[in-house]
Amino acid sequence: MERNAATPGLAIRAMAAEDMAAGMRLCRASNWNQLEDDWRVFLSSTGGGGFLACKEGRVVGTVAFLRYDGFAWIAMMLVDPQERGAGIGARLMEEALSVLHDVDCIGLDATPMGEPLYRHFGFVNEYALVRMQASVEAAVLEASVPGVRRLRREDLSDVLRRDREVFGAGRGELLASLLERAPECAWIAKDGAAVRGYTFGRPGWLYHQLGPVVAEDSGTARALVARSFSELDGRLFAIDAPRLDGEWLAWLGSIGFVEERPFVRMFRHSHAHPGRIARQYAIAGPEFG
């Protein structure tokens, strides 16, 4: 269904699979990292979706959302650089919030440029994050880490039980898709039957994204990340890390990671962040929460 917007000549409609090429065009115009597989997560996940802003038959903006069982996530807010400042982002946010009216908790990650828009809609800062990048050389990392091995499909049930507690909601569809897309980035740390940590990742247009990284402590997080990088020698990586554990951030710096840009996690009104953020050493990316 297409809905006319207050902005002259602008219409908002639901995004479909055949619109992914338009979404990719806007990603490239903003120098974002996403691939079509990332858009596909929104369009294929239960309760997920997206909207397009169209002007004179041309797509000039996007927004997408996911429904986890405990909350909803808004992402992929993109406006054509030539159309910014005309209220397109606000119209897209209105549409996303309208379809998520029945959700108790809504979150997103904001760049400094987008933060004022989200504040207008009642989102408030929860905690800061930082994107760090590096081409990590395997020689600076341990070649083998006891207790850390590749994550296999049969591990998913144990991982998802742990992840529901740490993340605050079930995101089984997302993690299963990441394992299928990038098994080389998926590792698990176990102590007997207990899951002490795990990591996933995915390829991108500019770099590989490593995350989520979930661990009981920073030592386990370091072991998981070291194992991942030792298998992907010299590849450019990004990690989006909460600014909560200085030791963890210092270790990333010691192996070559440098800060690219800050951003902030926001939730609407008085919503508290779900899960256990102290165990989340890297998020899945601003796209997925």
Protein backbone atom coordinates (compact mmCIF):
# COMPACT_ATOMS: atom_id res chain seq x y z
CA MET A 1 0.00 0.00 0.00
CA GLU A 2 1.28 3.44 -0.92
CA ARG A 3 0.59 6.41 1.34
CA ASN A 4 0.91 10.04 0.33
CA ALA A 5 3.21 12.11 2.55
CA ALA A 6 3.02 15.73 3.66
CA THR A 7 6.17 16.54 1.70
CA PRO A 8 5.04 17.53 -1.82
CA GLY A 9 5.63 14.82 -4.40
CA LEU A 10 6.65 12.22 -1.78
CA ALA A 11 4.98 8.85 -1.26
CA ILE A 12 5.77 6.11 1.25
CA ARG A 13 5.30 2.43 0.44
CA ALA A 14 6.34 -0.95 1.79
CA MET A 15 9.66 -2.34 0.63
CA ALA A 16 9.72 -5.61 -1.33
CA ALA A 17 12.49 -7.94 -2.44
CA GLU A 18 12.65 -6.31 -5.87
CA ASP A 19 13.45 -3.00 -4.16
CA MET A 20 16.76 -4.18 -2.73
CA ALA A 21 18.68 -2.71 -5.67
CA ALA A 22 17.31 0.72 -4.77
CA GLY A 23 18.34 0.17 -1.16
CA MET A 24 21.81 -0.78 -2.29
CA ARG A 25 22.07 2.39 -4.38
CA LEU A 26 21.39 4.49 -1.31
CA CYS A 27 23.88 2.44 0.73
CA ARG A 28 26.60 3.16 -1.82
CA ALA A 29 25.67 6.85 -1.97
CA SER A 30 26.27 7.03 1.79
CA ASN A 31 29.34 4.75 1.69
CA TRP A 32 27.66 2.17 3.92
CA ASN A 33 28.89 -1.42 4.18
CA GLN A 34 25.72 -3.45 3.61
CA LEU A 35 25.16 -6.13 0.99
CA GLU A 36 21.86 -7.42 -0.39
CA ASP A 37 22.00 -10.26 2.13
CA ASP A 38 21.69 -7.67 4.91
CA TRP A 39 18.57 -6.16 3.35
CA ARG A 40 17.21 -9.68 2.94
CA VAL A 41 17.31 -10.19 6.73
CA PHE A 42 14.73 -7.42 7.20
CA LEU A 43 12.48 -8.60 4.39
CA SER A 44 12.54 -12.30 5.27
CA SER A 45 12.48 -12.22 9.08
CA THR A 46 9.24 -12.89 10.92
CA GLY A 47 7.60 -9.53 11.60
CA GLY A 48 10.37 -7.58 9.87
CA GLY A 49 10.10 -5.25 6.91
CA GLY A 50 10.86 -1.82 5.55
CA PHE A 51 9.52 1.27 3.84
CA LEU A 52 10.61 3.35 0.87
CA ALA A 53 10.19 7.06 0.26
CA CYS A 54 9.56 7.71 -3.44
CA LYS A 55 9.66 11.00 -5.29
CA GLU A 56 8.64 11.21 -8.93
CA GLY A 57 9.01 7.44 -9.23
CA ARG A 58 12.52 7.39 -7.76
CA VAL A 59 13.46 5.88 -4.39
CA VAL A 60 14.95 8.65 -2.23
CA GLY A 61 14.84 7.08 1.25
CA THR A 62 14.55 3.85 3.22
CA VAL A 63 13.93 2.58 6.72
CA ALA A 64 13.81 -1.02 7.94
CA PHE A 65 12.83 -2.80 11.13
CA LEU A 66 13.06 -6.13 12.92
CA ARG A 67 10.79 -7.55 15.59
CA TYR A 68 12.63 -9.58 18.18
CA ASP A 69 10.33 -11.25 20.69
CA GLY A 70 11.18 -8.76 23.42
CA PHE A 71 11.54 -5.54 21.46
CA ALA A 72 11.82 -3.98 18.00
CA TRP A 73 14.82 -2.55 16.19
CA ILE A 74 14.83 0.26 13.61
CA ALA A 75 17.68 0.62 11.11
CA MET A 76 18.71 1.41 7.54
CA MET A 77 17.50 5.01 7.73
CA LEU A 78 18.91 6.28 4.45
CA VAL A 79 18.10 9.43 2.49
CA ASP A 80 19.51 10.30 -0.90
CA PRO A 81 22.26 12.91 -0.28
CA GLN A 82 20.61 15.25 -2.79
CA GLU A 83 17.26 15.08 -0.95
CA ARG A 84 18.37 15.59 2.65
CA GLY A 85 16.81 18.34 4.74
CA ALA A 86 13.35 17.96 3.20
CA GLY A 87 11.76 15.91 6.02
CA ILE A 88 12.05 12.53 4.30
CA GLY A 89 13.71 10.87 7.29
CA ALA A 90 10.95 12.12 9.59
CA ARG A 91 8.25 10.70 7.31
CA LEU A 92 9.99 7.34 7.21
CA MET A 93 10.35 7.28 10.99
CA GLU A 94 6.65 8.09 11.40
CA GLU A 95 5.80 5.12 9.20
CA ALA A 96 8.11 2.75 11.06
CA LEU A 97 6.78 3.80 14.46
CA SER A 98 3.22 3.46 13.22
CA VAL A 99 3.71 -0.18 12.22
CA LEU A 100 5.50 -0.86 15.53
CA HIS A 101 2.80 0.79 17.67
CA ASP A 102 2.16 -2.45 19.56
CA VAL A 103 5.80 -2.94 20.64
CA ASP A 104 6.71 -2.03 24.20
CA CYS A 105 10.41 -1.33 23.57
CA ILE A 106 12.02 0.13 20.43
CA GLY A 107 15.72 0.75 19.94
CA LEU A 108 18.17 1.96 17.31
CA ASP A 109 21.80 3.02 16.87
CA ALA A 110 22.35 6.63 15.83
CA THR A 111 25.17 8.42 14.09
CA PRO A 112 25.84 11.99 15.26
CA MET A 113 24.05 13.22 12.12
CA GLY A 114 20.93 11.16 12.80
CA GLU A 115 20.72 11.67 16.56
CA PRO A 116 18.68 14.94 16.46
CA LEU A 117 15.98 13.29 14.32
CA TYR A 118 15.62 10.39 16.74
CA ARG A 119 15.49 12.69 19.76
CA HIS A 120 12.55 14.46 18.10
CA PHE A 121 10.70 11.13 18.17
CA GLY A 122 11.38 10.50 21.84
CA PHE A 123 14.52 8.38 21.68
CA VAL A 124 17.05 8.91 24.46
CA ASN A 125 20.71 7.91 24.75
CA GLU A 126 21.46 4.66 26.55
CA TYR A 127 25.20 4.15 25.98
CA ALA A 128 27.96 5.03 23.55
CA LEU A 129 29.56 2.74 20.98
CA VAL A 130 32.58 3.02 18.74
CA ARG A 131 33.34 1.51 15.35
CA MET A 132 36.94 0.32 15.14
CA GLN A 133 38.73 -0.97 12.04
CA ALA A 134 41.90 -2.90 11.35
CA SER A 135 43.59 -5.28 8.95
CA VAL A 136 44.73 -7.77 11.56
CA GLU A 137 47.83 -9.85 10.93
CA ALA A 138 47.66 -13.43 12.21
CA ALA A 139 51.27 -13.20 13.42
CA VAL A 140 50.23 -10.93 16.32
CA LEU A 141 47.63 -13.42 17.58
CA GLU A 142 47.67 -16.82 19.19
CA ALA A 143 47.37 -19.52 16.54
CA SER A 144 45.39 -21.83 18.84
CA VAL A 145 43.26 -21.00 21.85
CA PRO A 146 42.26 -23.87 24.18
CA GLY A 147 38.51 -24.31 24.52
CA VAL A 148 37.70 -22.27 21.41
CA ARG A 149 36.53 -24.04 18.27
CA ARG A 150 34.43 -23.44 15.20
CA LEU A 151 30.75 -22.98 15.89
CA ARG A 152 28.65 -25.66 14.21
CA ARG A 153 24.96 -25.77 13.41
CA GLU A 154 24.39 -28.29 16.20
CA ASP A 155 25.72 -25.69 18.67
CA LEU A 156 22.99 -23.20 17.81
CA SER A 157 20.41 -24.42 20.31
CA ASP A 158 22.82 -23.92 23.22
CA VAL A 159 23.99 -20.58 21.84
CA LEU A 160 20.46 -19.29 21.35
CA ARG A 161 19.47 -20.15 24.90
CA ARG A 162 22.44 -18.17 26.18
CA ASP A 163 21.89 -15.36 23.68
CA ARG A 164 18.29 -14.82 24.74
CA GLU A 165 19.54 -14.05 28.25
CA VAL A 166 22.41 -11.79 27.13
CA PHE A 167 20.72 -9.98 24.24
CA GLY A 168 17.35 -9.77 25.97
CA ALA A 169 15.28 -11.38 23.21
CA GLY A 170 15.35 -14.24 20.75
CA ARG A 171 17.26 -13.53 17.54
CA GLY A 172 17.60 -17.07 16.25
CA GLU A 173 16.78 -16.22 12.64
CA LEU A 174 19.52 -13.60 12.53
CA LEU A 175 22.25 -15.73 14.11
CA ALA A 176 21.39 -18.74 11.95
CA SER A 177 21.66 -16.57 8.85
CA LEU A 178 25.05 -15.20 9.97
CA LEU A 179 26.37 -18.73 10.53
CA GLU A 180 25.25 -19.71 7.04
CA ARG A 181 26.73 -16.60 5.41
CA ALA A 182 30.08 -16.55 7.19
CA PRO A 183 30.94 -19.81 8.99
CA GLU A 184 34.59 -18.68 9.04
CA CYS A 185 33.62 -15.94 11.52
CA ALA A 186 31.59 -18.17 13.86
CA TRP A 187 33.42 -19.52 16.93
CA ILE A 188 32.38 -20.83 20.32
CA ALA A 189 34.06 -21.12 23.71
CA LYS A 190 32.78 -23.85 26.02
CA ASP A 191 33.63 -25.07 29.50
CA GLY A 192 32.22 -28.58 29.49
CA ALA A 193 28.59 -28.18 28.50
CA ALA A 194 28.49 -24.49 29.45
CA VAL A 195 28.73 -21.84 26.70
CA ARG A 196 31.23 -19.20 27.82
CA GLY A 197 31.11 -17.16 24.63
CA TYR A 198 30.56 -17.03 20.90
CA THR A 199 31.12 -14.80 17.92
CA PHE A 200 29.58 -14.36 14.49
CA GLY A 201 30.38 -12.14 11.53
CA ARG A 202 29.54 -11.34 7.93
CA PRO A 203 31.12 -9.96 4.77
CA GLY A 204 30.46 -6.44 3.58
CA TRP A 205 31.17 -4.09 0.71
CA LEU A 206 33.96 -2.22 2.54
CA TYR A 207 35.04 -4.70 5.22
CA HIS A 208 34.04 -7.78 7.19
CA GLN A 209 31.94 -7.03 10.26
CA LEU A 210 32.72 -9.11 13.35
CA GLY A 211 29.86 -9.35 15.80
CA PRO A 212 28.05 -10.10 17.90
CA VAL A 213 30.81 -11.07 20.30
CA VAL A 214 29.32 -12.37 23.55
CA ALA A 215 31.50 -13.63 26.39
CA GLU A 216 31.57 -14.18 30.14
CA ASP A 217 34.70 -12.04 30.46
CA SER A 218 37.13 -10.02 28.36
CA GLY A 219 39.64 -12.88 28.28
CA THR A 220 37.11 -15.14 26.59
CA ALA A 221 36.17 -12.34 24.19
CA ARG A 222 39.84 -11.86 23.27
CA ALA A 223 40.26 -15.59 22.68
CA LEU A 224 37.24 -15.74 20.36
CA VAL A 225 38.28 -12.70 18.37
CA ALA A 226 41.89 -13.85 18.13
CA ARG A 227 40.76 -17.20 16.75
CA SER A 228 38.53 -15.54 14.17
CA PHE A 229 41.25 -13.19 12.96
CA SER A 230 43.90 -15.90 12.85
CA GLU A 231 41.79 -17.65 10.18
CA LEU A 232 41.27 -14.47 8.14
CA ASP A 233 44.79 -13.10 7.96
CA GLY A 234 45.11 -9.55 6.67
CA ARG A 235 41.44 -8.99 5.91
CA LEU A 236 39.95 -5.60 6.79
CA PHE A 237 37.56 -5.88 9.74
CA ALA A 238 35.23 -3.61 11.67
CA ILE A 239 34.03 -4.14 15.23
CA ASP A 240 31.27 -2.07 16.84
CA ALA A 241 31.99 -2.11 20.56
CA PRO A 242 30.19 -0.53 23.52
CA ARG A 243 32.38 1.97 25.36
CA LEU A 244 32.01 0.06 28.62
CA ASP A 245 35.17 -2.02 29.08
CA GLY A 246 38.39 -0.03 28.78
CA GLU A 247 40.56 -3.16 28.97
CA TRP A 248 38.74 -4.66 26.00
CA LEU A 249 39.02 -1.50 23.91
CA ALA A 250 42.71 -1.19 24.80
CA TRP A 251 43.33 -4.76 23.64
CA LEU A 252 41.65 -4.04 20.31
CA GLY A 253 43.96 -1.03 19.97
CA SER A 254 46.98 -3.19 20.78
CA ILE A 255 46.31 -5.48 17.81
CA GLY A 256 45.89 -2.58 15.40
CA PHE A 257 42.28 -1.40 15.65
CA VAL A 258 41.72 2.34 15.30
CA GLU A 259 38.55 4.32 15.88
CA GLU A 260 36.58 5.17 12.74
CA ARG A 261 33.54 6.90 14.24
CA PRO A 262 31.33 7.06 17.32
CA PHE A 263 27.64 6.33 17.55
CA VAL A 264 25.10 5.86 20.31
CA ARG A 265 22.47 3.31 21.26
CA MET A 266 19.08 4.88 21.89
CA PHE A 267 15.75 3.63 23.18
CA ARG A 268 12.41 5.33 22.98
CA HIS A 269 11.19 7.27 25.99
CA SER A 270 11.87 5.46 29.27
CA HIS A 271 12.57 2.07 27.73
CA ALA A 272 15.52 0.38 29.42
CA HIS A 273 17.90 -1.64 27.30
CA PRO A 274 17.16 -5.37 27.48
CA GLY A 275 19.68 -8.08 28.19
CA ARG A 276 23.10 -7.95 29.83
CA ILE A 277 25.17 -5.36 28.02
CA ALA A 278 28.29 -6.10 30.08
CA ARG A 279 28.52 -9.47 28.29
CA GLN A 280 28.18 -7.94 24.81
CA TYR A 281 31.72 -7.09 23.71
CA ALA A 282 30.61 -6.27 20.16
CA ILE A 283 27.15 -5.80 18.71
CA ALA A 284 25.86 -7.37 15.51
CA GLY A 285 26.08 -3.93 13.90
CA PRO A 286 23.73 -0.94 13.93
CA GLU A 287 21.56 -2.78 11.41
CA PHE A 288 20.62 -5.60 13.74
CA GLY A 289 21.07 -4.40 17.32
